[in-house]
Protein backbone atom coordinates (compact mmCIF):
# COMPACT_ATOMS: atom_id res chain seq x y z
CA MET A 1 0.38 -0.10 0.24
CA SER A 2 1.44 3.31 -0.59
CA GLU A 3 2.16 6.25 1.41
CA PRO A 4 -0.26 9.63 1.19
CA ILE A 5 1.88 12.03 -0.21
CA HIS A 6 2.29 14.97 2.12
CA GLN A 7 2.27 18.96 0.98
CA ARG A 8 4.73 21.11 3.58
CA PHE A 9 2.29 23.68 5.28
CA GLY A 10 2.88 27.08 3.72
CA PHE A 11 2.04 30.36 4.49
CA ASP A 12 -0.71 32.39 2.41
CA THR A 13 0.14 35.40 4.47
CA VAL A 14 3.98 37.17 4.21
CA PHE A 15 5.35 40.18 6.63
CA ASP A 16 8.09 42.06 6.58
CA GLY A 17 10.49 42.99 9.71
CA GLN A 18 8.09 46.16 10.83
CA GLY A 19 4.55 44.03 10.69
CA ASP A 20 3.52 44.53 6.51
CA ILE A 21 2.47 42.30 4.35
CA THR A 22 4.75 41.91 1.64
CA GLN A 23 3.20 38.60 0.14
CA ALA A 24 -0.58 37.52 0.30
CA ALA A 25 -2.83 35.43 -1.91
CA PRO A 26 -5.39 36.45 -3.46
CA ARG A 27 -8.96 36.21 -1.84
CA PRO A 28 -12.01 35.31 -4.15
CA LYS A 29 -14.44 38.09 -4.83
CA ARG A 30 -17.52 38.40 -3.08
CA LEU A 31 -19.06 40.51 -4.20
CA PHE A 32 -19.52 41.70 -7.84
CA THR A 33 -20.98 44.78 -9.74
CA ALA A 34 -24.55 44.57 -12.18
CA ASP A 35 -22.17 44.93 -15.15
CA GLU A 36 -20.13 42.29 -14.31
CA VAL A 37 -22.58 39.72 -13.18
CA GLU A 38 -24.11 40.91 -16.57
CA ALA A 39 -20.92 39.77 -18.96
CA VAL A 40 -20.59 36.42 -17.05
CA ARG A 41 -24.29 35.70 -17.89
CA VAL A 42 -23.62 36.74 -21.54
CA GLN A 43 -20.50 34.89 -21.23
CA ALA A 44 -22.33 31.89 -19.99
CA HIS A 45 -25.32 31.96 -22.34
CA GLY A 46 -22.54 32.27 -25.35
CA GLU A 47 -20.78 29.52 -23.99
CA GLY A 48 -24.27 27.50 -23.65
CA GLU A 49 -25.43 28.61 -26.96
CA ARG A 50 -21.96 27.14 -28.73
CA GLN A 51 -22.01 23.76 -27.18
CA ALA A 52 -25.77 23.68 -27.87
CA LEU A 53 -25.04 24.01 -31.95
CA ALA A 54 -21.83 21.78 -31.54
CA SER A 55 -24.24 18.95 -30.24
CA MET A 56 -26.93 19.91 -32.48
CA LYS A 57 -24.09 19.91 -35.57
CA ALA A 58 -23.27 16.15 -34.55
CA MET A 59 -26.88 14.96 -33.95
CA GLN A 60 -27.64 16.34 -37.16
CA ALA A 61 -24.39 14.28 -38.96
CA GLN A 62 -25.64 11.13 -37.33
CA ALA A 63 -29.18 11.48 -38.40
CA LEU A 64 -28.09 12.36 -42.28
CA ALA A 65 -25.40 9.35 -42.21
CA ALA A 66 -28.43 7.17 -40.64
CA ILE A 67 -30.50 8.77 -43.30
CA SER A 68 -28.20 8.03 -46.22
CA GLU A 69 -27.32 4.44 -45.05
CA ALA A 70 -31.16 3.49 -45.20
CA THR A 71 -31.31 5.25 -48.45
CA ARG A 72 -28.99 2.91 -49.81
CA GLN A 73 -30.17 -0.57 -48.69
CA ALA A 74 -33.64 0.77 -50.23
CA LEU A 75 -31.94 1.73 -53.36
CA SER A 76 -30.24 -1.55 -53.73
CA THR A 77 -33.44 -3.60 -52.62
CA LEU A 78 -35.44 -1.54 -55.42
CA VAL A 79 -32.76 -2.37 -57.78
CA GLY A 80 -33.09 -6.24 -57.70
CA VAL A 81 -36.92 -5.82 -57.08
CA ALA A 82 -36.77 -3.35 -60.66
CA HIS A 83 -34.34 -6.48 -61.81
CA ALA A 84 -36.83 -9.72 -61.14
CA HIS A 85 -39.88 -7.71 -62.49
CA ARG A 86 -37.81 -7.45 -66.21
CA GLU A 87 -37.29 -10.77 -65.67
CA GLY A 88 -40.59 -11.77 -64.72
CA SER A 89 -41.64 -9.70 -68.10
CA ALA A 90 -39.41 -11.20 -70.13
CA GLU A 91 -40.64 -14.33 -69.23
CA LEU A 92 -44.27 -13.63 -69.13
CA ALA A 93 -43.70 -12.19 -72.92
CA LEU A 94 -41.65 -15.40 -74.08
CA ALA A 95 -44.41 -17.66 -73.13
CA CYS A 96 -46.81 -15.57 -74.72
CA ALA A 97 -44.97 -14.91 -77.88
CA LYS A 98 -44.49 -18.88 -78.25
CA ALA A 99 -47.96 -19.51 -77.26
CA ILE A 100 -49.44 -17.42 -80.03
CA ALA A 101 -46.66 -19.16 -82.78
CA ASP A 102 -47.75 -22.45 -81.80
CA ALA A 103 -50.91 -21.35 -82.32
CA ALA A 104 -50.23 -19.99 -85.38
CA LEU A 105 -48.04 -22.72 -86.32
CA GLU A 106 -51.05 -24.93 -86.09
CA ARG A 107 -53.01 -22.96 -87.86
CA PHE A 108 -50.66 -22.64 -91.05
CA PRO A 109 -48.23 -25.24 -90.93
CA GLU A 110 -47.04 -24.69 -94.07
CA ALA A 111 -46.08 -21.02 -94.02
CA PRO A 112 -42.53 -21.35 -92.31
CA LEU A 113 -41.77 -23.74 -95.29
CA GLN A 114 -43.31 -20.71 -97.78
CA ALA A 115 -40.92 -18.34 -96.33
CA ALA A 116 -37.82 -20.38 -96.15
CA ILE A 117 -38.02 -21.15 -100.20
CA ALA A 118 -39.17 -17.15 -100.95
CA VAL A 119 -36.20 -16.32 -98.73
CA LEU A 120 -33.33 -18.61 -100.44
CA ALA A 121 -34.91 -17.77 -104.16
CA ARG A 122 -31.64 -17.29 -105.05
CA GLU A 123 -29.81 -19.71 -103.92
CA ILE A 124 -31.98 -22.24 -104.93
CA GLU A 125 -32.82 -21.40 -108.69
CA ALA A 126 -29.48 -22.45 -110.08
CA ALA A 127 -29.11 -25.66 -108.07
CA PRO A 128 -30.80 -28.88 -110.45
CA ARG A 129 -32.34 -30.28 -107.73
CA LEU A 130 -34.51 -29.01 -104.47
CA VAL A 131 -35.05 -32.12 -101.32
CA VAL A 132 -37.37 -31.04 -98.77
CA SER A 133 -37.58 -33.36 -96.09
CA ALA A 134 -41.00 -32.81 -93.48
CA PRO A 135 -42.99 -35.02 -91.18
CA ALA A 136 -44.71 -37.49 -92.48
CA ASP A 137 -48.17 -36.19 -91.62
CA LEU A 138 -47.35 -32.74 -93.26
CA VAL A 139 -46.10 -34.23 -97.14
CA LYS A 140 -49.39 -34.67 -98.34
CA MET A 141 -50.34 -31.43 -97.20
CA LEU A 142 -47.44 -29.70 -98.31
CA GLU A 143 -47.00 -30.87 -101.77
CA PRO A 144 -49.06 -28.71 -103.65
CA VAL A 145 -47.83 -25.96 -101.66
CA LEU A 146 -44.40 -26.66 -102.18
CA ALA A 147 -44.90 -26.80 -105.62
CA GLU A 148 -46.76 -23.54 -105.38
CA ALA A 149 -44.04 -22.08 -103.47
CA ALA A 150 -41.47 -23.24 -106.71
CA GLN A 151 -43.43 -21.70 -109.34
CA GLY A 152 -43.74 -19.31 -106.97
CA ILE A 153 -39.85 -17.96 -107.40
CA GLY A 154 -39.21 -19.23 -111.17
CA TYR A 155 -37.64 -22.41 -110.39
CA PRO A 156 -37.01 -24.81 -112.87
CA GLY A 157 -35.08 -27.73 -111.51
CA GLN A 158 -36.93 -30.81 -109.70
CA VAL A 159 -38.71 -30.72 -106.34
CA VAL A 160 -38.90 -34.11 -104.05
CA LEU A 161 -40.66 -33.77 -101.02
CA ARG A 162 -40.02 -36.72 -98.71
CA PRO A 163 -41.13 -37.84 -95.13
CA ALA A 164 -38.58 -37.71 -92.30
CA PRO A 165 -39.65 -39.79 -88.97
CA ASP A 166 -37.47 -37.58 -86.73
CA LEU A 167 -38.78 -34.31 -87.81
CA ILE A 168 -42.01 -33.32 -85.48
CA GLY A 169 -44.64 -30.54 -85.89
CA CYS A 170 -43.73 -28.20 -88.72
CA ALA A 171 -40.13 -28.92 -88.98
CA PHE A 172 -38.31 -29.40 -92.03
CA THR A 173 -34.64 -29.15 -94.21
CA LEU A 174 -33.98 -28.24 -97.69
CA ASP A 175 -31.09 -29.47 -99.66
CA PHE A 176 -30.49 -27.40 -102.62
CA GLY A 177 -26.63 -28.94 -103.57
CA ASP A 178 -24.65 -26.12 -102.52
CA GLY A 179 -26.11 -25.36 -99.45
CA ALA A 180 -29.08 -26.40 -97.10
CA ALA A 181 -31.44 -25.02 -94.69
CA ALA A 182 -33.62 -25.78 -91.88
CA PHE A 183 -36.09 -24.59 -89.56
CA ASP A 184 -36.90 -26.50 -85.93
CA PRO A 185 -39.85 -24.33 -84.14
CA ALA A 186 -38.47 -26.47 -80.50
CA ALA A 187 -35.09 -25.34 -81.81
CA ALA A 188 -35.49 -21.90 -82.58
CA ALA A 189 -37.64 -21.37 -79.43
CA GLN A 190 -35.03 -22.43 -77.15
CA ARG A 191 -32.27 -20.19 -79.02
CA VAL A 192 -34.98 -17.21 -78.57
CA SER A 193 -35.43 -18.23 -74.57
CA ALA A 194 -31.09 -18.64 -74.72
CA ALA A 195 -30.25 -15.33 -75.77
CA LEU A 196 -33.05 -13.70 -73.97
CA HIS A 197 -31.67 -15.27 -70.62
CA GLU A 198 -28.16 -14.07 -71.97
CA ALA A 199 -28.95 -10.80 -72.15
CA LEU A 200 -30.76 -10.33 -68.63
CA ALA A 201 -27.68 -11.89 -67.05
CA ALA A 202 -25.19 -9.21 -69.11
CA GLU A 203 -27.67 -6.30 -68.09
CA GLY A 204 -27.98 -7.65 -64.44
CA LEU A 205 -28.35 -4.95 -62.42
CA HIS A 206 -27.43 -1.69 -64.00
CA ALA A 207 -30.39 -2.01 -66.86
CA GLU A 208 -32.36 1.48 -67.19
CA PRO A 209 -34.71 2.94 -65.11
CA LEU A 210 -37.95 1.70 -65.36
CA ILE A 211 -39.44 4.99 -64.66
CA ALA A 212 -37.43 8.07 -67.29
CA GLY A 213 -35.81 10.15 -64.55
CA THR A 214 -34.72 7.82 -61.77
CA GLU A 215 -31.37 5.36 -61.46
CA GLY A 216 -31.47 2.13 -61.59
């Protein structure tokens, strides 16, 4: 246990040989004038005001920091919601497009073949023979359609229509010697879906805002 520190006894008042005071400790002032009281009051009021303002500024800074963090989190959540909305909208649009395409192909199964022959007219016209493979259940229906399409592009060569058991729906293949073409509705739908999902993945959370004037 450490010993207490003792201070030497000191005299506040020192006298000379004649008994006069040569040194004395200042005594606290006990009486103040009205002006002095007012000055002390003004000084204390100013000090209190400065402390209050400093405290308010600190509280404002903390509140702004909290608001900024809450806003950041809210915007992150909104960006995620917007991206999910885009994905859902794209999936819905894709499903609707597929349903419409399937209905159209069921109603007009010959349309893809007619369009393909029209687009490939220049490539086909120089071939001596055009071989078309199609689902067996469509061959009879496609015979007059194919003949009309070939006549429509002025194709002078031989047109051969063959049943292909491995093709389903409105799928078909075209073989014109130096080139070939094919159409498969199911494979086309898969390619469109894959391209859409790749675009959404590449876009991520950095897409354009859903509402003009807002940030995504």
